[in-house]
């Protein structure tokens, strides 16, 4: 089993074959939507661990269900209103003749997850029609290989513990052509920052200066004091007011059951980059997708899934950290670099 992985040329999920990402934001509402579009239908699975999820069509990803491919995945702000973005993607893809065939009709399969950003200070007085259908359509139309991180897409209005959250992505490519990528909108109740430090929890996983050259933590962590702070932090929130939502993808050929196992393993990426995580106040969700352009007939299936899941978890942790690192101050939530940028080490020799 080879583990000579390096970041891809874009260090984003679009380093995985047949994936494009489109994003749209509303700078008045302080929210946005991200659409992950597959050039051809992808096998997908999902794992939901947060106590207050907001999702659509996740049951269809159960390995026992009929549908075995998805056309796109939507990550959005807006809580329940944000599910309107996936309606726009579904409508538009159907108009293009894309979707699960049912006789002459087409039913696009677009699983979705949303995060809560309704109390971040933006103008939410939209009346009878929320902006999310238009955001979903605009994001789909903007799908490309290159996209912004930080205050972008579903991460535009996000927060991460005491800091501004954001949209992050990362990739890992092996020498034998196996591609793994992650994209995530970070809006957690827990903190991505080590208590009393300038280091992000995911600092050991940094590659190619993607987090600005994270400082090495100084001194031991006072976990007892930190635990007291974390325990009290949700008191200012209500269940469902947070959530970290993401997708890991690979070009390896996987079954639905294998994709589900990769999603389960990838959840560890949240645990490596956020503390606490999977709380009653979050709706943490990880999708996993296989575009199926890489594979060997003699590959040991269990070893392959183990290899992908292990790297996907690290990749997701890096994506979480990059989302926070790239985010800039919005409202009362400061950007990481504005607060801790002076402690970054820059490129490592």
C-alpha atoms as a PDB file:
ATOM      1  CA  UNK A   1       0.000   0.000   0.000  1.00  0.00           C
ATOM      2  CA  UNK A   2       1.590   3.285  -1.141  1.00  0.00           C
ATOM      3  CA  UNK A   3       1.077   6.552   0.753  1.00  0.00           C
ATOM      4  CA  UNK A   4       3.266   8.926  -1.259  1.00  0.00           C
ATOM      5  CA  UNK A   5       0.521  11.550  -1.492  1.00  0.00           C
ATOM      6  CA  UNK A   6       1.069  15.207  -2.351  1.00  0.00           C
ATOM      7  CA  UNK A   7      -1.345  18.121  -2.919  1.00  0.00           C
ATOM      8  CA  UNK A   8      -2.655  18.324  -6.460  1.00  0.00           C
ATOM      9  CA  UNK A   9      -1.971  21.281  -8.791  1.00  0.00           C
ATOM     10  CA  UNK A  10      -4.943  23.267  -7.439  1.00  0.00           C
ATOM     11  CA  UNK A  11      -4.919  21.757  -3.951  1.00  0.00           C
ATOM     12  CA  UNK A  12      -8.692  21.506  -4.203  1.00  0.00           C
ATOM     13  CA  UNK A  13     -11.401  18.949  -4.779  1.00  0.00           C
ATOM     14  CA  UNK A  14     -11.325  19.773  -8.496  1.00  0.00           C
ATOM     15  CA  UNK A  15      -8.013  17.904  -8.697  1.00  0.00           C
ATOM     16  CA  UNK A  16     -10.263  14.821  -8.724  1.00  0.00           C
ATOM     17  CA  UNK A  17     -11.354  13.854 -12.242  1.00  0.00           C
ATOM     18  CA  UNK A  18     -14.780  14.989 -13.481  1.00  0.00           C
ATOM     19  CA  UNK A  19     -15.521  17.444 -10.673  1.00  0.00           C
ATOM     20  CA  UNK A  20     -16.253  21.149 -10.947  1.00  0.00           C
ATOM     21  CA  UNK A  21     -17.369  23.586  -8.263  1.00  0.00           C
ATOM     22  CA  UNK A  22     -19.604  26.623  -8.622  1.00  0.00           C
ATOM     23  CA  UNK A  23     -20.340  29.208  -5.950  1.00  0.00           C
ATOM     24  CA  UNK A  24     -22.565  32.214  -5.403  1.00  0.00           C
ATOM     25  CA  UNK A  25     -22.905  34.668  -2.539  1.00  0.00           C
ATOM     26  CA  UNK A  26     -25.275  37.385  -1.356  1.00  0.00           C
ATOM     27  CA  UNK A  27     -23.217  40.111   0.314  1.00  0.00           C
ATOM     28  CA  UNK A  28     -26.307  41.769   1.805  1.00  0.00           C
ATOM     29  CA  UNK A  29     -27.795  38.626   3.324  1.00  0.00           C
ATOM     30  CA  UNK A  30     -24.304  37.328   4.298  1.00  0.00           C
ATOM     31  CA  UNK A  31     -24.822  33.855   2.934  1.00  0.00           C
ATOM     32  CA  UNK A  32     -23.999  31.690  -0.043  1.00  0.00           C
ATOM     33  CA  UNK A  33     -24.161  28.358  -1.812  1.00  0.00           C
ATOM     34  CA  UNK A  34     -21.617  25.890  -3.212  1.00  0.00           C
ATOM     35  CA  UNK A  35     -22.482  23.334  -5.899  1.00  0.00           C
ATOM     36  CA  UNK A  36     -20.245  20.341  -6.601  1.00  0.00           C
ATOM     37  CA  UNK A  37     -21.061  19.207 -10.127  1.00  0.00           C
ATOM     38  CA  UNK A  38     -20.025  15.842 -11.581  1.00  0.00           C
ATOM     39  CA  UNK A  39     -19.333  15.728 -15.307  1.00  0.00           C
ATOM     40  CA  UNK A  40     -20.864  12.248 -15.250  1.00  0.00           C
ATOM     41  CA  UNK A  41     -22.939  10.700 -12.443  1.00  0.00           C
ATOM     42  CA  UNK A  42     -20.886   9.645  -9.412  1.00  0.00           C
ATOM     43  CA  UNK A  43     -21.345   6.906  -6.829  1.00  0.00           C
ATOM     44  CA  UNK A  44     -21.929   8.510  -3.431  1.00  0.00           C
ATOM     45  CA  UNK A  45     -22.376   7.802   0.260  1.00  0.00           C
ATOM     46  CA  UNK A  46     -22.950   9.920   3.353  1.00  0.00           C
ATOM     47  CA  UNK A  47     -22.371   9.943   7.107  1.00  0.00           C
ATOM     48  CA  UNK A  48     -24.280  12.292   9.436  1.00  0.00           C
ATOM     49  CA  UNK A  49     -23.052  12.692  13.021  1.00  0.00           C
ATOM     50  CA  UNK A  50     -24.183  16.086  14.235  1.00  0.00           C
ATOM     51  CA  UNK A  51     -27.188  16.394  16.524  1.00  0.00           C
ATOM     52  CA  UNK A  52     -29.075  18.905  14.376  1.00  0.00           C
ATOM     53  CA  UNK A  53     -28.625  18.117  10.658  1.00  0.00           C
ATOM     54  CA  UNK A  54     -30.348  19.812   7.754  1.00  0.00           C
ATOM     55  CA  UNK A  55     -30.229  17.585   4.680  1.00  0.00           C
ATOM     56  CA  UNK A  56     -32.036  16.481   1.528  1.00  0.00           C
ATOM     57  CA  UNK A  57     -31.970  13.126  -0.298  1.00  0.00           C
ATOM     58  CA  UNK A  58     -29.413  11.588   2.057  1.00  0.00           C
ATOM     59  CA  UNK A  59     -31.578   8.480   2.543  1.00  0.00           C
ATOM     60  CA  UNK A  60     -31.219   7.758  -1.175  1.00  0.00           C
ATOM     61  CA  UNK A  61     -27.492   7.214  -0.582  1.00  0.00           C
ATOM     62  CA  UNK A  62     -28.101   4.220   1.671  1.00  0.00           C
ATOM     63  CA  UNK A  63     -26.527   1.202  -0.060  1.00  0.00           C
ATOM     64  CA  UNK A  64     -29.877  -0.632   0.142  1.00  0.00           C
ATOM     65  CA  UNK A  65     -31.659   2.016  -1.968  1.00  0.00           C
ATOM     66  CA  UNK A  66     -32.236   1.929  -5.726  1.00  0.00           C
ATOM     67  CA  UNK A  67     -30.401   5.030  -6.930  1.00  0.00           C
ATOM     68  CA  UNK A  68     -26.694   4.340  -7.339  1.00  0.00           C
ATOM     69  CA  UNK A  69     -25.451   7.635  -8.832  1.00  0.00           C
ATOM     70  CA  UNK A  70     -25.708  11.346  -8.039  1.00  0.00           C
ATOM     71  CA  UNK A  71     -25.499  14.272 -10.436  1.00  0.00           C
ATOM     72  CA  UNK A  72     -24.442  17.023  -8.031  1.00  0.00           C
ATOM     73  CA  UNK A  73     -24.123  17.801  -4.334  1.00  0.00           C
ATOM     74  CA  UNK A  74     -25.141  21.121  -2.804  1.00  0.00           C
ATOM     75  CA  UNK A  75     -23.724  22.741   0.328  1.00  0.00           C
ATOM     76  CA  UNK A  76     -25.533  25.904   1.383  1.00  0.00           C
ATOM     77  CA  UNK A  77     -26.049  28.452   4.066  1.00  0.00           C
ATOM     78  CA  UNK A  78     -29.552  29.449   5.076  1.00  0.00           C
ATOM     79  CA  UNK A  79     -30.643  26.541   7.258  1.00  0.00           C
ATOM     80  CA  UNK A  80     -33.963  25.130   5.993  1.00  0.00           C
ATOM     81  CA  UNK A  81     -34.277  27.969   3.464  1.00  0.00           C
ATOM     82  CA  UNK A  82     -30.953  26.929   1.943  1.00  0.00           C
ATOM     83  CA  UNK A  83     -32.506  23.696   0.717  1.00  0.00           C
ATOM     84  CA  UNK A  84     -34.090  25.856  -1.977  1.00  0.00           C
ATOM     85  CA  UNK A  85     -30.669  26.002  -3.629  1.00  0.00           C
ATOM     86  CA  UNK A  86     -30.809  22.268  -4.320  1.00  0.00           C
ATOM     87  CA  UNK A  87     -34.248  22.734  -5.888  1.00  0.00           C
ATOM     88  CA  UNK A  88     -32.711  25.169  -8.360  1.00  0.00           C
ATOM     89  CA  UNK A  89     -29.928  22.731  -9.210  1.00  0.00           C
ATOM     90  CA  UNK A  90     -32.455  19.919  -9.644  1.00  0.00           C
ATOM     91  CA  UNK A  91     -34.709  22.035 -11.876  1.00  0.00           C
ATOM     92  CA  UNK A  92     -31.843  23.246 -14.044  1.00  0.00           C
ATOM     93  CA  UNK A  93     -30.195  19.866 -14.497  1.00  0.00           C
ATOM     94  CA  UNK A  94     -33.550  18.355 -15.465  1.00  0.00           C
ATOM     95  CA  UNK A  95     -33.995  21.058 -18.103  1.00  0.00           C
ATOM     96  CA  UNK A  96     -30.635  19.937 -19.532  1.00  0.00           C
ATOM     97  CA  UNK A  97     -31.778  16.308 -19.751  1.00  0.00           C
ATOM     98  CA  UNK A  98     -29.620  15.207 -16.831  1.00  0.00           C
ATOM     99  CA  UNK A  99     -30.892  12.848 -14.136  1.00  0.00           C
ATOM    100  CA  UNK A 100     -32.050   9.380 -13.188  1.00  0.00           C
ATOM    101  CA  UNK A 101     -34.127   8.051 -16.115  1.00  0.00           C
ATOM    102  CA  UNK A 102     -37.779   7.287 -15.383  1.00  0.00           C
ATOM    103  CA  UNK A 103     -39.268   6.571 -18.772  1.00  0.00           C
ATOM    104  CA  UNK A 104     -38.865   9.744 -20.829  1.00  0.00           C
ATOM    105  CA  UNK A 105     -38.479  11.874 -17.664  1.00  0.00           C
ATOM    106  CA  UNK A 106     -35.288  12.700 -15.832  1.00  0.00           C
ATOM    107  CA  UNK A 107     -34.992  13.081 -12.059  1.00  0.00           C
ATOM    108  CA  UNK A 108     -31.645  14.648 -11.088  1.00  0.00           C
ATOM    109  CA  UNK A 109     -30.231  13.241  -7.844  1.00  0.00           C
ATOM    110  CA  UNK A 110     -28.855  16.162  -5.844  1.00  0.00           C
ATOM    111  CA  UNK A 111     -28.185  15.345  -2.173  1.00  0.00           C
ATOM    112  CA  UNK A 112     -27.727  18.469  -0.083  1.00  0.00           C
ATOM    113  CA  UNK A 113     -26.761  19.739   3.338  1.00  0.00           C
ATOM    114  CA  UNK A 114     -27.231  23.170   4.903  1.00  0.00           C
ATOM    115  CA  UNK A 115     -25.670  25.141   7.725  1.00  0.00           C
ATOM    116  CA  UNK A 116     -27.184  27.762   9.997  1.00  0.00           C
ATOM    117  CA  UNK A 117     -26.135  31.362   9.275  1.00  0.00           C
ATOM    118  CA  UNK A 118     -29.450  33.157   9.927  1.00  0.00           C
ATOM    119  CA  UNK A 119     -28.186  35.129  12.947  1.00  0.00           C
ATOM    120  CA  UNK A 120     -24.839  36.314  11.612  1.00  0.00           C
ATOM    121  CA  UNK A 121     -25.893  39.950  11.153  1.00  0.00           C
ATOM    122  CA  UNK A 122     -26.853  39.972   7.469  1.00  0.00           C
ATOM    123  CA  UNK A 123     -30.193  41.240   6.205  1.00  0.00           C
ATOM    124  CA  UNK A 124     -32.574  38.262   6.341  1.00  0.00           C
ATOM    125  CA  UNK A 125     -35.748  40.255   5.582  1.00  0.00           C
ATOM    126  CA  UNK A 126     -36.404  38.619   2.242  1.00  0.00           C
ATOM    127  CA  UNK A 127     -40.157  38.262   2.621  1.00  0.00           C
ATOM    128  CA  UNK A 128     -41.976  35.372   0.948  1.00  0.00           C
ATOM    129  CA  UNK A 129     -39.122  34.319  -1.316  1.00  0.00           C
ATOM    130  CA  UNK A 130     -35.646  33.524  -0.028  1.00  0.00           C
ATOM    131  CA  UNK A 131     -32.578  34.131  -2.232  1.00  0.00           C
ATOM    132  CA  UNK A 132     -31.500  30.508  -2.297  1.00  0.00           C
ATOM    133  CA  UNK A 133     -33.108  29.351  -5.559  1.00  0.00           C
ATOM    134  CA  UNK A 134     -31.270  32.113  -7.387  1.00  0.00           C
ATOM    135  CA  UNK A 135     -28.060  31.374  -5.474  1.00  0.00           C
ATOM    136  CA  UNK A 136     -28.280  27.695  -6.419  1.00  0.00           C
ATOM    137  CA  UNK A 137     -28.843  28.516 -10.088  1.00  0.00           C
ATOM    138  CA  UNK A 138     -25.992  31.047 -10.152  1.00  0.00           C
ATOM    139  CA  UNK A 139     -23.631  28.637  -8.412  1.00  0.00           C
ATOM    140  CA  UNK A 140     -24.448  25.851 -10.868  1.00  0.00           C
ATOM    141  CA  UNK A 141     -23.895  28.146 -13.840  1.00  0.00           C
ATOM    142  CA  UNK A 142     -20.522  29.179 -12.395  1.00  0.00           C
ATOM    143  CA  UNK A 143     -19.173  25.625 -12.050  1.00  0.00           C
ATOM    144  CA  UNK A 144     -15.483  25.469 -12.988  1.00  0.00           C
ATOM    145  CA  UNK A 145     -12.177  23.985 -11.921  1.00  0.00           C
ATOM    146  CA  UNK A 146     -11.147  27.102  -9.998  1.00  0.00           C
ATOM    147  CA  UNK A 147     -13.068  28.600  -7.092  1.00  0.00           C
ATOM    148  CA  UNK A 148     -12.481  30.821  -4.069  1.00  0.00           C
ATOM    149  CA  UNK A 149     -11.936  29.794  -0.459  1.00  0.00           C
ATOM    150  CA  UNK A 150     -12.760  31.575   2.796  1.00  0.00           C
ATOM    151  CA  UNK A 151     -15.690  33.989   2.580  1.00  0.00           C
ATOM    152  CA  UNK A 152     -17.141  32.203  -0.427  1.00  0.00           C
ATOM    153  CA  UNK A 153     -20.028  29.947  -1.319  1.00  0.00           C
ATOM    154  CA  UNK A 154     -21.624  28.134   1.594  1.00  0.00           C
ATOM    155  CA  UNK A 155     -18.896  29.495   3.855  1.00  0.00           C
ATOM    156  CA  UNK A 156     -19.599  33.175   3.165  1.00  0.00           C
ATOM    157  CA  UNK A 157     -21.579  33.797   6.352  1.00  0.00           C
ATOM    158  CA  UNK A 158     -20.146  30.963   8.452  1.00  0.00           C
ATOM    159  CA  UNK A 159     -18.391  31.196  11.798  1.00  0.00           C
ATOM    160  CA  UNK A 160     -16.048  28.752  13.513  1.00  0.00           C
ATOM    161  CA  UNK A 161     -16.085  28.939  17.282  1.00  0.00           C
ATOM    162  CA  UNK A 162     -14.666  32.399  18.105  1.00  0.00           C
ATOM    163  CA  UNK A 163     -13.418  32.987  14.551  1.00  0.00           C
ATOM    164  CA  UNK A 164     -14.884  33.594  11.120  1.00  0.00           C
ATOM    165  CA  UNK A 165     -15.563  30.298   9.366  1.00  0.00           C
ATOM    166  CA  UNK A 166     -15.373  29.716   5.659  1.00  0.00           C
ATOM    167  CA  UNK A 167     -15.163  27.468   2.637  1.00  0.00           C
ATOM    168  CA  UNK A 168     -12.081  25.251   2.459  1.00  0.00           C
ATOM    169  CA  UNK A 169     -10.699  22.647   0.095  1.00  0.00           C
ATOM    170  CA  UNK A 170      -7.621  20.448  -0.281  1.00  0.00           C
ATOM    171  CA  UNK A 171      -6.378  17.490  -2.293  1.00  0.00           C
ATOM    172  CA  UNK A 172      -3.945  14.581  -2.118  1.00  0.00           C
ATOM    173  CA  UNK A 173      -2.659  12.789  -5.222  1.00  0.00           C
ATOM    174  CA  UNK A 174      -0.605   9.593  -5.074  1.00  0.00           C
ATOM    175  CA  UNK A 175       2.272   8.626  -7.315  1.00  0.00           C
ATOM    176  CA  UNK A 176       0.162   5.863  -8.854  1.00  0.00           C
ATOM    177  CA  UNK A 177      -2.654   8.224  -9.866  1.00  0.00           C
ATOM    178  CA  UNK A 178      -5.127   7.886  -6.997  1.00  0.00           C
ATOM    179  CA  UNK A 179      -6.847  11.251  -6.453  1.00  0.00           C
ATOM    180  CA  UNK A 180      -8.544  12.328  -3.214  1.00  0.00           C
ATOM    181  CA  UNK A 181     -10.036  15.746  -2.509  1.00  0.00           C
ATOM    182  CA  UNK A 182     -12.223  17.503   0.027  1.00  0.00           C
ATOM    183  CA  UNK A 183     -14.425  20.578   0.193  1.00  0.00           C
ATOM    184  CA  UNK A 184     -16.052  21.856   3.375  1.00  0.00           C
ATOM    185  CA  UNK A 185     -18.094  24.762   4.721  1.00  0.00           C
ATOM    186  CA  UNK A 186     -16.931  25.342   8.308  1.00  0.00           C
ATOM    187  CA  UNK A 187     -19.581  26.718  10.672  1.00  0.00           C
ATOM    188  CA  UNK A 188     -18.826  24.810  13.889  1.00  0.00           C
ATOM    189  CA  UNK A 189     -19.758  25.524  17.488  1.00  0.00           C
ATOM    190  CA  UNK A 190     -16.401  24.064  18.501  1.00  0.00           C
ATOM    191  CA  UNK A 191     -13.115  25.826  17.908  1.00  0.00           C
ATOM    192  CA  UNK A 192     -10.621  25.159  15.097  1.00  0.00           C
ATOM    193  CA  UNK A 193      -8.009  26.962  17.220  1.00  0.00           C
ATOM    194  CA  UNK A 194      -5.965  25.360  19.996  1.00  0.00           C
ATOM    195  CA  UNK A 195      -6.770  27.119  23.288  1.00  0.00           C
ATOM    196  CA  UNK A 196      -4.207  29.725  24.290  1.00  0.00           C
ATOM    197  CA  UNK A 197      -2.318  29.237  21.014  1.00  0.00           C
ATOM    198  CA  UNK A 198      -2.120  30.691  17.523  1.00  0.00           C
ATOM    199  CA  UNK A 199      -2.059  27.211  16.027  1.00  0.00           C
ATOM    200  CA  UNK A 200      -5.030  25.576  14.369  1.00  0.00           C
ATOM    201  CA  UNK A 201      -5.827  22.072  15.583  1.00  0.00           C
ATOM    202  CA  UNK A 202      -4.999  20.786  12.084  1.00  0.00           C
ATOM    203  CA  UNK A 203      -1.526  22.338  12.070  1.00  0.00           C
ATOM    204  CA  UNK A 204       0.348  18.968  11.937  1.00  0.00           C
ATOM    205  CA  UNK A 205      -1.332  18.126   8.627  1.00  0.00           C
ATOM    206  CA  UNK A 206      -0.308  21.287   6.758  1.00  0.00           C
ATOM    207  CA  UNK A 207       1.219  20.750   3.333  1.00  0.00           C
ATOM    208  CA  UNK A 208       2.836  23.183   0.902  1.00  0.00           C
ATOM    209  CA  UNK A 209       2.330  26.210   3.172  1.00  0.00           C
ATOM    210  CA  UNK A 210      -1.443  25.947   2.628  1.00  0.00           C
ATOM    211  CA  UNK A 211      -2.167  27.437   6.080  1.00  0.00           C
ATOM    212  CA  UNK A 212       0.478  30.154   5.941  1.00  0.00           C
ATOM    213  CA  UNK A 213       3.119  28.175   7.812  1.00  0.00           C
ATOM    214  CA  UNK A 214       1.360  27.241  11.037  1.00  0.00           C
ATOM    215  CA  UNK A 215       3.229  28.000  14.278  1.00  0.00           C
ATOM    216  CA  UNK A 216       4.231  25.017  16.383  1.00  0.00           C
ATOM    217  CA  UNK A 217       2.221  25.079  19.655  1.00  0.00           C
ATOM    218  CA  UNK A 218       4.174  26.391  22.625  1.00  0.00           C
ATOM    219  CA  UNK A 219       3.766  24.647  25.968  1.00  0.00           C
ATOM    220  CA  UNK A 220       1.147  22.141  27.106  1.00  0.00           C
ATOM    221  CA  UNK A 221      -2.554  22.701  26.500  1.00  0.00           C
ATOM    222  CA  UNK A 222      -4.674  23.462  29.561  1.00  0.00           C
ATOM    223  CA  UNK A 223      -7.388  20.999  28.622  1.00  0.00           C
ATOM    224  CA  UNK A 224      -9.326  21.442  31.853  1.00  0.00           C
ATOM    225  CA  UNK A 225      -9.801  25.177  31.338  1.00  0.00           C
ATOM    226  CA  UNK A 226     -10.428  24.640  27.648  1.00  0.00           C
ATOM    227  CA  UNK A 227     -13.091  22.042  28.368  1.00  0.00           C
ATOM    228  CA  UNK A 228     -14.885  24.474  30.677  1.00  0.00           C
ATOM    229  CA  UNK A 229     -14.855  27.116  27.938  1.00  0.00           C
ATOM    230  CA  UNK A 230     -16.101  24.670  25.293  1.00  0.00           C
ATOM    231  CA  UNK A 231     -18.824  23.359  27.582  1.00  0.00           C
ATOM    232  CA  UNK A 232     -20.140  26.868  28.129  1.00  0.00           C
ATOM    233  CA  UNK A 233     -19.900  28.051  24.529  1.00  0.00           C
ATOM    234  CA  UNK A 234     -23.159  26.470  23.316  1.00  0.00           C
ATOM    235  CA  UNK A 235     -25.114  28.372  25.951  1.00  0.00           C
ATOM    236  CA  UNK A 236     -25.185  31.326  23.595  1.00  0.00           C
ATOM    237  CA  UNK A 237     -26.609  29.103  20.855  1.00  0.00           C
ATOM    238  CA  UNK A 238     -29.597  26.942  20.153  1.00  0.00           C
ATOM    239  CA  UNK A 239     -29.536  23.492  18.611  1.00  0.00           C
ATOM    240  CA  UNK A 240     -29.041  23.720  14.850  1.00  0.00           C
ATOM    241  CA  UNK A 241     -27.285  27.104  14.846  1.00  0.00           C
ATOM    242  CA  UNK A 242     -23.999  25.711  13.568  1.00  0.00           C
ATOM    243  CA  UNK A 243     -22.838  22.735  11.433  1.00  0.00           C
ATOM    244  CA  UNK A 244     -19.837  21.737   9.338  1.00  0.00           C
ATOM    245  CA  UNK A 245     -20.785  20.207   5.991  1.00  0.00           C
ATOM    246  CA  UNK A 246     -18.456  18.725   3.418  1.00  0.00           C
ATOM    247  CA  UNK A 247     -17.627  16.251   0.703  1.00  0.00           C
ATOM    248  CA  UNK A 248     -14.642  13.996   0.115  1.00  0.00           C
ATOM    249  CA  UNK A 249     -14.162  12.589  -3.363  1.00  0.00           C
ATOM    250  CA  UNK A 250     -11.903  10.160  -5.150  1.00  0.00           C
ATOM    251  CA  UNK A 251     -11.339   9.001  -8.697  1.00  0.00           C
ATOM    252  CA  UNK A 252     -11.181   5.382  -7.477  1.00  0.00           C
ATOM    253  CA  UNK A 253     -14.009   3.047  -8.441  1.00  0.00           C
ATOM    254  CA  UNK A 254     -16.119   2.456  -5.332  1.00  0.00           C
ATOM    255  CA  UNK A 255     -19.463   0.861  -4.585  1.00  0.00           C
ATOM    256  CA  UNK A 256     -22.124   2.725  -2.588  1.00  0.00           C
ATOM    257  CA  UNK A 257     -21.232   0.713   0.501  1.00  0.00           C
ATOM    258  CA  UNK A 258     -17.543   1.532   0.062  1.00  0.00           C
ATOM    259  CA  UNK A 259     -18.332   5.211  -0.443  1.00  0.00           C
ATOM    260  CA  UNK A 260     -20.351   5.176   2.763  1.00  0.00           C
ATOM    261  CA  UNK A 261     -17.397   3.653   4.630  1.00  0.00           C
ATOM    262  CA  UNK A 262     -15.101   6.367   3.251  1.00  0.00           C
ATOM    263  CA  UNK A 263     -17.552   9.020   4.489  1.00  0.00           C
ATOM    264  CA  UNK A 264     -17.554   7.403   7.933  1.00  0.00           C
ATOM    265  CA  UNK A 265     -13.750   7.357   8.064  1.00  0.00           C
ATOM    266  CA  UNK A 266     -13.520  10.914   6.734  1.00  0.00           C
ATOM    267  CA  UNK A 267     -15.526  12.217   9.703  1.00  0.00           C
ATOM    268  CA  UNK A 268     -12.291  11.825  11.655  1.00  0.00           C
ATOM    269  CA  UNK A 269     -11.058  14.835   9.710  1.00  0.00           C
ATOM    270  CA  UNK A 270     -13.525  16.963  11.645  1.00  0.00           C
ATOM    271  CA  UNK A 271     -12.252  15.511  14.922  1.00  0.00           C
ATOM    272  CA  UNK A 272      -8.670  16.340  13.913  1.00  0.00           C
ATOM    273  CA  UNK A 273      -9.480  19.984  13.180  1.00  0.00           C
ATOM    274  CA  UNK A 274     -12.401  21.015  15.447  1.00  0.00           C
ATOM    275  CA  UNK A 275     -12.907  20.588  19.190  1.00  0.00           C
ATOM    276  CA  UNK A 276     -15.518  19.711  20.335  1.00  0.00           C
ATOM    277  CA  UNK A 277     -17.238  18.234  17.289  1.00  0.00           C
ATOM    278  CA  UNK A 278     -20.447  16.281  16.518  1.00  0.00           C
ATOM    279  CA  UNK A 279     -22.203  18.175  19.296  1.00  0.00           C
ATOM    280  CA  UNK A 280     -25.984  18.484  19.847  1.00  0.00           C
ATOM    281  CA  UNK A 281     -25.642  21.987  18.395  1.00  0.00           C
ATOM    282  CA  UNK A 282     -24.102  20.915  15.062  1.00  0.00           C
ATOM    283  CA  UNK A 283     -25.421  19.023  12.061  1.00  0.00           C
ATOM    284  CA  UNK A 284     -22.068  17.696  10.914  1.00  0.00           C
ATOM    285  CA  UNK A 285     -22.346  15.843   7.605  1.00  0.00           C
ATOM    286  CA  UNK A 286     -19.797  14.299   5.249  1.00  0.00           C
ATOM    287  CA  UNK A 287     -20.628  13.097   1.752  1.00  0.00           C
ATOM    288  CA  UNK A 288     -18.259  10.822  -0.169  1.00  0.00           C
ATOM    289  CA  UNK A 289     -18.194  10.486  -3.946  1.00  0.00           C
ATOM    290  CA  UNK A 290     -16.435   8.252  -6.451  1.00  0.00           C
ATOM    291  CA  UNK A 291     -15.961   9.433 -10.043  1.00  0.00           C
ATOM    292  CA  UNK A 292     -14.591   6.023 -11.039  1.00  0.00           C
ATOM    293  CA  UNK A 293     -11.788   6.888 -13.468  1.00  0.00           C
ATOM    294  CA  UNK A 294      -9.072   4.948 -11.588  1.00  0.00           C
ATOM    295  CA  UNK A 295      -8.861   1.352 -10.477  1.00  0.00           C
ATOM    296  CA  UNK A 296      -7.059  -1.942 -10.756  1.00  0.00           C
ATOM    297  CA  UNK A 297      -8.784  -5.290 -11.115  1.00  0.00           C
ATOM    298  CA  UNK A 298      -6.362  -6.885  -8.670  1.00  0.00           C
ATOM    299  CA  UNK A 299      -6.770  -4.185  -5.991  1.00  0.00           C
ATOM    300  CA  UNK A 300      -7.592  -5.537  -2.527  1.00  0.00           C
ATOM    301  CA  UNK A 301     -10.923  -3.839  -1.857  1.00  0.00           C
ATOM    302  CA  UNK A 302     -10.575  -3.557   1.914  1.00  0.00           C
ATOM    303  CA  UNK A 303      -7.061  -2.148   1.602  1.00  0.00           C
ATOM    304  CA  UNK A 304      -8.223   0.331  -1.034  1.00  0.00           C
ATOM    305  CA  UNK A 305     -11.087   1.645   1.081  1.00  0.00           C
ATOM    306  CA  UNK A 306      -8.781   1.851   4.101  1.00  0.00           C
ATOM    307  CA  UNK A 307      -6.221   3.789   2.070  1.00  0.00           C
ATOM    308  CA  UNK A 308      -8.779   6.234   0.711  1.00  0.00           C
ATOM    309  CA  UNK A 309     -10.552   6.744   4.035  1.00  0.00           C
ATOM    310  CA  UNK A 310      -7.328   7.418   5.916  1.00  0.00           C
ATOM    311  CA  UNK A 311      -6.099  10.015   3.427  1.00  0.00           C
ATOM    312  CA  UNK A 312      -9.585  11.526   3.013  1.00  0.00           C
ATOM    313  CA  UNK A 313      -9.777  12.214   6.759  1.00  0.00           C
ATOM    314  CA  UNK A 314      -6.459  14.079   6.702  1.00  0.00           C
ATOM    315  CA  UNK A 315      -7.517  15.901   3.544  1.00  0.00           C
ATOM    316  CA  UNK A 316     -10.782  16.992   5.173  1.00  0.00           C
ATOM    317  CA  UNK A 317      -8.898  18.243   8.250  1.00  0.00           C
ATOM    318  CA  UNK A 318      -6.682  20.332   5.979  1.00  0.00           C
ATOM    319  CA  UNK A 319      -9.732  21.673   4.147  1.00  0.00           C
ATOM    320  CA  UNK A 320     -11.325  22.726   7.444  1.00  0.00           C
ATOM    321  CA  UNK A 321      -8.168  24.577   8.460  1.00  0.00           C
ATOM    322  CA  UNK A 322      -7.841  26.231   5.047  1.00  0.00           C
ATOM    323  CA  UNK A 323     -11.444  27.416   5.207  1.00  0.00           C
ATOM    324  CA  UNK A 324     -10.723  29.159   8.519  1.00  0.00           C
ATOM    325  CA  UNK A 325      -7.274  30.359   7.454  1.00  0.00           C
ATOM    326  CA  UNK A 326      -8.602  31.967   4.251  1.00  0.00           C
ATOM    327  CA  UNK A 327     -11.668  33.583   5.868  1.00  0.00           C
ATOM    328  CA  UNK A 328     -11.697  37.299   6.599  1.00  0.00           C
ATOM    329  CA  UNK A 329     -13.528  39.263   9.273  1.00  0.00           C
ATOM    330  CA  UNK A 330     -17.279  39.598   8.825  1.00  0.00           C
ATOM    331  CA  UNK A 331     -19.426  41.263  11.485  1.00  0.00           C
ATOM    332  CA  UNK A 332     -18.409  40.262  14.992  1.00  0.00           C
ATOM    333  CA  UNK A 333     -16.353  37.257  13.912  1.00  0.00           C
ATOM    334  CA  UNK A 334     -12.679  38.060  13.198  1.00  0.00           C
ATOM    335  CA  UNK A 335     -10.642  36.368  10.511  1.00  0.00           C
ATOM    336  CA  UNK A 336      -7.833  34.067  11.617  1.00  0.00           C
ATOM    337  CA  UNK A 337      -5.114  36.018   9.813  1.00  0.00           C
ATOM    338  CA  UNK A 338      -6.292  39.324  11.267  1.00  0.00           C
ATOM    339  CA  UNK A 339      -5.851  37.923  14.767  1.00  0.00           C
ATOM    340  CA  UNK A 340      -2.976  35.460  14.424  1.00  0.00           C
ATOM    341  CA  UNK A 341      -1.286  36.331  11.130  1.00  0.00           C
ATOM    342  CA  UNK A 342       1.779  37.827  12.811  1.00  0.00           C
ATOM    343  CA  UNK A 343       2.591  34.415  14.278  1.00  0.00           C
ATOM    344  CA  UNK A 344       2.600  32.555  10.972  1.00  0.00           C
ATOM    345  CA  UNK A 345       5.993  31.221   9.912  1.00  0.00           C
ATOM    346  CA  UNK A 346       5.588  31.497   6.157  1.00  0.00           C
ATOM    347  CA  UNK A 347       7.117  28.989   3.745  1.00  0.00           C
ATOM    348  CA  UNK A 348       9.118  26.291   5.501  1.00  0.00           C
ATOM    349  CA  UNK A 349      12.635  25.546   4.313  1.00  0.00           C
END
